[in-house]
Every structure is written in C-alpha cells, then in structure tokens.
N, C-alpha and C. Protein backbone atom coordinates (compact mmCIF):
# COMPACT_ATOMS: atom_id res chain seq x y z
N MET A 1 30.46 46.12 -59.93
CA MET A 1 29.98 46.08 -61.30
C MET A 1 28.56 46.66 -61.32
N THR A 2 28.29 47.56 -62.27
CA THR A 2 26.96 48.15 -62.38
C THR A 2 25.99 47.13 -62.96
N ASP A 3 24.72 47.42 -62.84
CA ASP A 3 23.71 46.54 -63.44
C ASP A 3 23.93 46.40 -64.94
N HIS A 4 24.25 47.53 -65.59
CA HIS A 4 24.48 47.50 -67.04
C HIS A 4 25.68 46.61 -67.36
N ALA A 5 26.76 46.76 -66.62
CA ALA A 5 27.95 45.95 -66.85
C ALA A 5 27.67 44.47 -66.60
N ALA A 6 26.91 44.17 -65.56
CA ALA A 6 26.56 42.78 -65.26
C ALA A 6 25.70 42.20 -66.39
N LEU A 7 24.75 42.98 -66.87
CA LEU A 7 23.90 42.51 -67.96
C LEU A 7 24.73 42.26 -69.22
N MET A 8 25.63 43.18 -69.56
CA MET A 8 26.46 43.00 -70.75
C MET A 8 27.34 41.76 -70.60
N LYS A 9 27.89 41.52 -69.42
CA LYS A 9 28.69 40.31 -69.20
C LYS A 9 27.84 39.06 -69.40
N HIS A 10 26.62 39.10 -68.87
CA HIS A 10 25.70 37.97 -69.03
C HIS A 10 25.39 37.73 -70.52
N LEU A 11 25.10 38.81 -71.24
CA LEU A 11 24.80 38.67 -72.67
C LEU A 11 26.01 38.12 -73.44
N LEU A 12 27.19 38.60 -73.11
CA LEU A 12 28.39 38.11 -73.79
C LEU A 12 28.65 36.64 -73.46
N ASP A 13 28.38 36.24 -72.22
CA ASP A 13 28.52 34.83 -71.86
C ASP A 13 27.59 33.97 -72.72
N TRP A 14 26.35 34.42 -72.88
CA TRP A 14 25.40 33.69 -73.72
C TRP A 14 25.79 33.75 -75.19
N ALA A 15 26.33 34.90 -75.62
CA ALA A 15 26.72 35.06 -77.02
C ALA A 15 27.76 34.03 -77.43
N LYS A 16 28.61 33.62 -76.50
CA LYS A 16 29.64 32.62 -76.79
C LYS A 16 29.02 31.29 -77.19
N ARG A 17 27.78 31.07 -76.80
CA ARG A 17 27.09 29.81 -77.11
C ARG A 17 26.29 29.90 -78.41
N CYS A 18 26.24 31.09 -78.99
CA CYS A 18 25.44 31.33 -80.18
C CYS A 18 26.25 31.12 -81.45
N LYS A 19 25.54 30.78 -82.51
CA LYS A 19 26.17 30.58 -83.81
C LYS A 19 26.48 31.92 -84.48
N SER A 20 25.52 32.86 -84.44
CA SER A 20 25.70 34.17 -85.08
C SER A 20 25.05 35.25 -84.22
N PRO A 21 25.70 35.63 -83.11
CA PRO A 21 25.08 36.57 -82.18
C PRO A 21 25.13 38.03 -82.63
N VAL A 22 24.02 38.70 -82.37
CA VAL A 22 23.92 40.15 -82.53
C VAL A 22 23.54 40.68 -81.15
N ILE A 23 24.26 41.68 -80.69
CA ILE A 23 24.02 42.23 -79.36
C ILE A 23 23.84 43.73 -79.49
N GLY A 24 23.03 44.31 -78.62
CA GLY A 24 22.85 45.76 -78.69
C GLY A 24 21.71 46.29 -77.86
N THR A 25 21.38 47.54 -78.15
CA THR A 25 20.28 48.21 -77.46
C THR A 25 19.31 48.79 -78.48
N LEU A 26 18.06 48.80 -78.09
CA LEU A 26 16.99 49.38 -78.90
C LEU A 26 16.34 50.48 -78.08
N GLU A 27 16.23 51.66 -78.65
CA GLU A 27 15.66 52.80 -77.94
C GLU A 27 14.40 53.28 -78.66
N PHE A 28 13.60 54.04 -77.94
CA PHE A 28 12.36 54.59 -78.49
C PHE A 28 12.49 56.10 -78.63
N ARG A 29 11.98 56.64 -79.74
CA ARG A 29 12.07 58.08 -79.96
C ARG A 29 10.99 58.85 -79.22
N GLU A 30 9.92 58.18 -78.84
CA GLU A 30 8.82 58.83 -78.14
C GLU A 30 8.60 58.18 -76.78
N ARG A 31 7.95 58.92 -75.90
CA ARG A 31 7.60 58.37 -74.59
C ARG A 31 6.67 57.17 -74.80
N ILE A 32 6.99 56.08 -74.14
CA ILE A 32 6.22 54.85 -74.35
C ILE A 32 6.26 54.04 -73.05
N ASP A 33 5.16 53.40 -72.72
CA ASP A 33 5.14 52.59 -71.49
C ASP A 33 5.74 51.21 -71.79
N PRO A 34 6.21 50.51 -70.75
CA PRO A 34 6.87 49.21 -70.96
C PRO A 34 6.01 48.17 -71.68
N LYS A 35 4.72 48.14 -71.41
CA LYS A 35 3.85 47.15 -72.07
C LYS A 35 3.80 47.41 -73.58
N THR A 36 3.65 48.66 -73.97
CA THR A 36 3.63 49.01 -75.38
C THR A 36 5.00 48.74 -76.01
N ALA A 37 6.06 49.02 -75.26
CA ALA A 37 7.42 48.76 -75.75
C ALA A 37 7.59 47.27 -76.08
N SER A 38 7.07 46.41 -75.22
CA SER A 38 7.15 44.96 -75.47
C SER A 38 6.38 44.58 -76.73
N ARG A 39 5.22 45.18 -76.92
CA ARG A 39 4.43 44.88 -78.11
C ARG A 39 5.14 45.33 -79.39
N VAL A 40 5.77 46.50 -79.34
CA VAL A 40 6.51 47.00 -80.50
C VAL A 40 7.68 46.06 -80.81
N PHE A 41 8.38 45.62 -79.76
CA PHE A 41 9.49 44.68 -79.94
C PHE A 41 8.99 43.38 -80.56
N ASP A 42 7.90 42.84 -80.04
CA ASP A 42 7.34 41.59 -80.57
C ASP A 42 6.99 41.71 -82.05
N GLU A 43 6.41 42.85 -82.43
CA GLU A 43 6.05 43.08 -83.83
C GLU A 43 7.31 43.20 -84.68
N TRP A 44 8.33 43.87 -84.17
CA TRP A 44 9.59 44.00 -84.89
C TRP A 44 10.22 42.62 -85.15
N ILE A 45 10.30 41.80 -84.11
CA ILE A 45 10.87 40.45 -84.27
C ILE A 45 10.04 39.63 -85.26
N ARG A 46 8.71 39.74 -85.16
CA ARG A 46 7.85 39.00 -86.09
C ARG A 46 8.16 39.39 -87.53
N ARG A 47 8.30 40.69 -87.78
CA ARG A 47 8.57 41.16 -89.14
C ARG A 47 9.97 40.76 -89.61
N VAL A 48 10.94 40.77 -88.69
CA VAL A 48 12.29 40.32 -89.05
C VAL A 48 12.26 38.84 -89.43
N GLU A 49 11.62 38.02 -88.60
CA GLU A 49 11.54 36.58 -88.88
C GLU A 49 10.82 36.31 -90.19
N GLU A 50 9.80 37.09 -90.45
CA GLU A 50 9.08 36.95 -91.72
C GLU A 50 10.01 37.28 -92.89
N GLY A 51 10.83 38.30 -92.73
CA GLY A 51 11.75 38.72 -93.79
C GLY A 51 12.87 37.73 -94.05
N ILE A 52 13.37 37.09 -92.99
CA ILE A 52 14.48 36.13 -93.18
C ILE A 52 13.98 34.70 -93.32
N ARG A 53 12.70 34.50 -93.10
CA ARG A 53 12.04 33.20 -93.28
C ARG A 53 12.52 32.11 -92.34
N HIS A 54 12.89 32.49 -91.12
CA HIS A 54 13.13 31.51 -90.08
C HIS A 54 13.06 32.18 -88.71
N GLN A 55 12.87 31.37 -87.69
CA GLN A 55 12.70 31.87 -86.34
C GLN A 55 14.06 32.16 -85.71
N LEU A 56 14.12 33.23 -84.94
CA LEU A 56 15.33 33.63 -84.24
C LEU A 56 15.26 33.21 -82.78
N THR A 57 16.42 33.08 -82.18
CA THR A 57 16.51 32.92 -80.73
C THR A 57 16.86 34.30 -80.18
N CYS A 58 16.10 34.73 -79.18
CA CYS A 58 16.25 36.11 -78.74
C CYS A 58 16.13 36.22 -77.22
N PHE A 59 17.02 37.02 -76.63
CA PHE A 59 16.92 37.41 -75.22
C PHE A 59 16.74 38.91 -75.21
N ARG A 60 15.84 39.38 -74.38
CA ARG A 60 15.65 40.83 -74.25
C ARG A 60 15.48 41.18 -72.79
N ASP A 61 15.95 42.36 -72.45
CA ASP A 61 15.77 42.89 -71.11
C ASP A 61 15.28 44.32 -71.26
N LEU A 62 14.05 44.55 -70.87
CA LEU A 62 13.44 45.87 -70.95
C LEU A 62 13.81 46.62 -69.69
N GLU A 63 14.45 47.75 -69.85
CA GLU A 63 14.89 48.54 -68.71
C GLU A 63 14.20 49.90 -68.74
N GLN A 64 13.57 50.25 -67.63
CA GLN A 64 12.92 51.55 -67.52
C GLN A 64 13.63 52.34 -66.43
N ASP A 65 14.41 53.29 -66.82
CA ASP A 65 15.10 54.17 -65.89
C ASP A 65 14.10 55.21 -65.38
N ALA A 66 14.10 55.46 -64.09
CA ALA A 66 13.15 56.41 -63.51
C ALA A 66 13.29 57.79 -64.14
N GLU A 67 14.49 58.15 -64.58
CA GLU A 67 14.72 59.47 -65.16
C GLU A 67 14.47 59.51 -66.67
N ALA A 68 14.45 58.35 -67.31
CA ALA A 68 14.29 58.30 -68.76
C ALA A 68 12.82 58.40 -69.15
N ALA A 69 12.58 59.04 -70.27
CA ALA A 69 11.20 59.18 -70.75
C ALA A 69 10.66 57.86 -71.28
N SER A 70 11.53 57.04 -71.85
CA SER A 70 11.10 55.79 -72.47
C SER A 70 12.04 54.66 -72.05
N PRO A 71 11.56 53.44 -72.13
CA PRO A 71 12.42 52.30 -71.80
C PRO A 71 13.47 52.06 -72.89
N CYS A 72 14.43 51.24 -72.54
CA CYS A 72 15.47 50.80 -73.45
C CYS A 72 15.44 49.26 -73.41
N ILE A 73 15.69 48.63 -74.54
CA ILE A 73 15.70 47.17 -74.59
C ILE A 73 17.10 46.71 -74.94
N TYR A 74 17.68 45.90 -74.06
CA TYR A 74 18.96 45.25 -74.35
C TYR A 74 18.63 43.91 -75.00
N VAL A 75 19.31 43.60 -76.10
CA VAL A 75 18.98 42.38 -76.84
C VAL A 75 20.22 41.55 -77.17
N LEU A 76 19.98 40.27 -77.23
CA LEU A 76 20.91 39.30 -77.81
C LEU A 76 20.06 38.47 -78.76
N ILE A 77 20.43 38.49 -80.02
CA ILE A 77 19.67 37.78 -81.05
C ILE A 77 20.61 36.80 -81.74
N ASP A 78 20.17 35.56 -81.87
CA ASP A 78 20.95 34.56 -82.59
C ASP A 78 20.16 34.11 -83.80
N GLY A 79 20.85 33.98 -84.93
CA GLY A 79 20.20 33.48 -86.13
C GLY A 79 20.20 34.45 -87.28
N LEU A 80 20.72 35.66 -87.07
CA LEU A 80 20.84 36.62 -88.17
C LEU A 80 22.20 36.46 -88.83
N GLU A 81 22.22 36.62 -90.11
CA GLU A 81 23.49 36.68 -90.83
C GLU A 81 24.01 38.11 -90.71
N PRO A 82 25.33 38.29 -90.72
CA PRO A 82 25.88 39.66 -90.60
C PRO A 82 25.30 40.64 -91.61
N TYR A 83 25.03 40.18 -92.84
CA TYR A 83 24.49 41.09 -93.85
C TYR A 83 23.05 41.49 -93.58
N ASN A 84 22.35 40.83 -92.65
CA ASN A 84 20.97 41.20 -92.31
C ASN A 84 20.89 42.26 -91.22
N VAL A 85 21.98 42.49 -90.50
CA VAL A 85 21.94 43.38 -89.34
C VAL A 85 21.55 44.80 -89.74
N ALA A 86 22.10 45.31 -90.81
CA ALA A 86 21.75 46.67 -91.23
C ALA A 86 20.26 46.80 -91.54
N GLY A 87 19.69 45.79 -92.19
CA GLY A 87 18.27 45.83 -92.53
C GLY A 87 17.37 45.80 -91.31
N VAL A 88 17.72 44.98 -90.31
CA VAL A 88 16.87 44.93 -89.11
C VAL A 88 17.02 46.20 -88.30
N ARG A 89 18.21 46.80 -88.34
CA ARG A 89 18.40 48.09 -87.65
C ARG A 89 17.53 49.17 -88.30
N VAL A 90 17.54 49.22 -89.61
CA VAL A 90 16.72 50.21 -90.33
C VAL A 90 15.23 50.00 -90.02
N LEU A 91 14.79 48.74 -89.98
CA LEU A 91 13.39 48.46 -89.65
C LEU A 91 13.04 48.99 -88.26
N TRP A 92 13.91 48.75 -87.25
CA TRP A 92 13.63 49.27 -85.90
C TRP A 92 13.56 50.80 -85.93
N GLU A 93 14.48 51.42 -86.65
CA GLU A 93 14.49 52.88 -86.71
C GLU A 93 13.22 53.43 -87.36
N LYS A 94 12.68 52.73 -88.34
CA LYS A 94 11.42 53.15 -88.95
C LYS A 94 10.25 52.96 -87.98
N MET A 95 10.28 51.87 -87.21
CA MET A 95 9.17 51.54 -86.33
C MET A 95 9.20 52.28 -84.99
N ALA A 96 10.42 52.51 -84.43
CA ALA A 96 10.44 52.91 -83.02
C ALA A 96 11.49 53.95 -82.63
N GLY A 97 12.68 53.89 -83.13
CA GLY A 97 13.73 54.81 -82.65
C GLY A 97 15.12 54.33 -83.02
N GLU A 98 16.06 54.60 -82.13
CA GLU A 98 17.47 54.26 -82.36
C GLU A 98 17.73 52.76 -82.13
N ALA A 99 18.59 52.19 -82.97
CA ALA A 99 19.00 50.80 -82.82
C ALA A 99 20.52 50.75 -82.88
N HIS A 100 21.13 50.26 -81.82
CA HIS A 100 22.58 50.09 -81.76
C HIS A 100 22.83 48.59 -81.70
N LEU A 101 23.07 47.99 -82.87
CA LEU A 101 23.23 46.55 -82.98
C LEU A 101 24.57 46.22 -83.59
N GLN A 102 25.17 45.15 -83.09
CA GLN A 102 26.46 44.74 -83.62
C GLN A 102 26.55 43.22 -83.65
N PHE A 103 26.97 42.71 -84.80
CA PHE A 103 27.29 41.29 -84.92
C PHE A 103 28.62 41.10 -84.22
N ILE A 104 28.71 40.09 -83.35
CA ILE A 104 29.97 39.85 -82.67
C ILE A 104 30.40 38.41 -82.90
N GLU A 105 31.68 38.19 -82.83
CA GLU A 105 32.21 36.84 -82.94
C GLU A 105 31.86 36.09 -81.66
N PRO A 106 31.34 34.88 -81.75
CA PRO A 106 30.94 34.13 -80.55
C PRO A 106 32.05 33.97 -79.53
N GLU A 107 33.30 33.87 -79.97
CA GLU A 107 34.39 33.68 -79.02
C GLU A 107 34.91 34.99 -78.43
N SER A 108 34.35 36.13 -78.84
CA SER A 108 34.78 37.43 -78.33
C SER A 108 34.50 37.53 -76.84
N THR A 109 35.43 38.14 -76.11
CA THR A 109 35.25 38.27 -74.67
C THR A 109 35.00 39.71 -74.25
N SER A 110 35.05 40.64 -75.18
CA SER A 110 34.84 42.03 -74.80
C SER A 110 33.52 42.54 -75.35
N ALA A 111 32.92 43.44 -74.62
CA ALA A 111 31.64 44.01 -75.02
C ALA A 111 31.84 45.03 -76.12
N PRO A 112 30.92 45.09 -77.08
CA PRO A 112 30.99 46.15 -78.06
C PRO A 112 30.74 47.48 -77.37
N SER A 113 31.33 48.54 -77.85
CA SER A 113 31.11 49.84 -77.21
C SER A 113 29.66 50.26 -77.44
N SER A 114 29.15 51.05 -76.52
CA SER A 114 27.74 51.44 -76.61
C SER A 114 27.48 52.34 -77.80
N SER A 115 28.53 52.97 -78.33
CA SER A 115 28.33 53.85 -79.48
C SER A 115 28.55 53.13 -80.81
N THR A 116 28.85 51.85 -80.75
CA THR A 116 29.12 51.09 -81.97
C THR A 116 27.85 50.45 -82.50
N HIS A 117 27.64 50.55 -83.78
CA HIS A 117 26.54 49.84 -84.42
C HIS A 117 26.93 49.51 -85.84
N VAL A 118 26.26 48.58 -86.41
CA VAL A 118 26.56 48.17 -87.77
C VAL A 118 26.04 49.24 -88.72
N GLU A 119 26.88 49.66 -89.62
CA GLU A 119 26.50 50.68 -90.59
C GLU A 119 25.66 50.05 -91.69
N ASP A 120 24.97 50.89 -92.44
CA ASP A 120 24.17 50.39 -93.56
C ASP A 120 25.06 49.59 -94.50
N GLY A 121 24.59 48.43 -94.83
CA GLY A 121 25.32 47.57 -95.75
C GLY A 121 24.37 47.15 -96.85
N ASN A 122 24.32 45.89 -97.08
CA ASN A 122 23.40 45.37 -98.09
C ASN A 122 21.97 45.64 -97.64
N GLU A 123 21.18 46.08 -98.55
CA GLU A 123 19.78 46.32 -98.23
C GLU A 123 19.04 44.99 -98.11
N SER A 124 18.25 44.88 -97.11
CA SER A 124 17.42 43.69 -96.93
C SER A 124 15.97 44.12 -96.98
N SER A 125 15.09 43.21 -97.32
CA SER A 125 13.68 43.57 -97.41
C SER A 125 12.95 43.14 -96.15
N PHE A 126 12.86 44.05 -95.20
CA PHE A 126 12.13 43.83 -93.97
C PHE A 126 11.02 44.87 -93.91
N GLY A 127 9.87 44.42 -93.43
CA GLY A 127 8.87 45.39 -93.12
C GLY A 127 7.75 45.59 -94.00
C-alpha cells in the first residue's frame, strides 16, 4: 500500500466516526513553503468557522513532494453540512488554489476518487 493509499484508508476509518465528514485535498496555485501553507490553511479554517458560526473538527496532513513546487494538504473535516461544501471550496480557491472536497457518508468504506469534488451548489457566505 502506498503512503497515499494508507493515508486515505486512515482518513476513511476516522470518517466513519464523524457525523458529517468531508474528505479531500487542498492544493496551492503558487510555490509556497510548508510553514506558509499551514498559515494559509489556518486562516481558511478560521474564516470557514466564522461563516458557519461553530468550530469544526479537522485533521490535516501537509505533504511536500520533493518534485512538487508546492505542498498538498489532505483533510478530513467534520461539522460541515453538505450544502456548505461548495462555499468552503470556493473560498479555498479564492485564497490559495485547487480544492477537491467531497462530503461522504460516514458508513462508506470506499475512498472518493481523486478527481471527484463537490460542484457549486448553494452559495454560502464565507470570506
């Protein structure tokens, strides 16, 4: 099993314990160091929590591939309603780059495909 596959299995195992899990990857459009990437993520989560008016439970794994220009963040977020996912994805895209996020059923045993993300739905006010 690759590191990515092991991480996705771990995230899915945790997702089964969540009430409303969102799983995915966050990418950066520009070259950025890991410390700055963490700060951007922290600001994004702060703005999301401010928009939904409650604190989220979040797991993140910042991965820096030696060949990649910028890090990638694997996330598991609990506490978002499915209708909020499109809004938080749009906020990440405005702030940093690509967001591939998917609401999954807690009892699901299969990983969402890496090319799958929630499409724009109801507009939410984040940011």
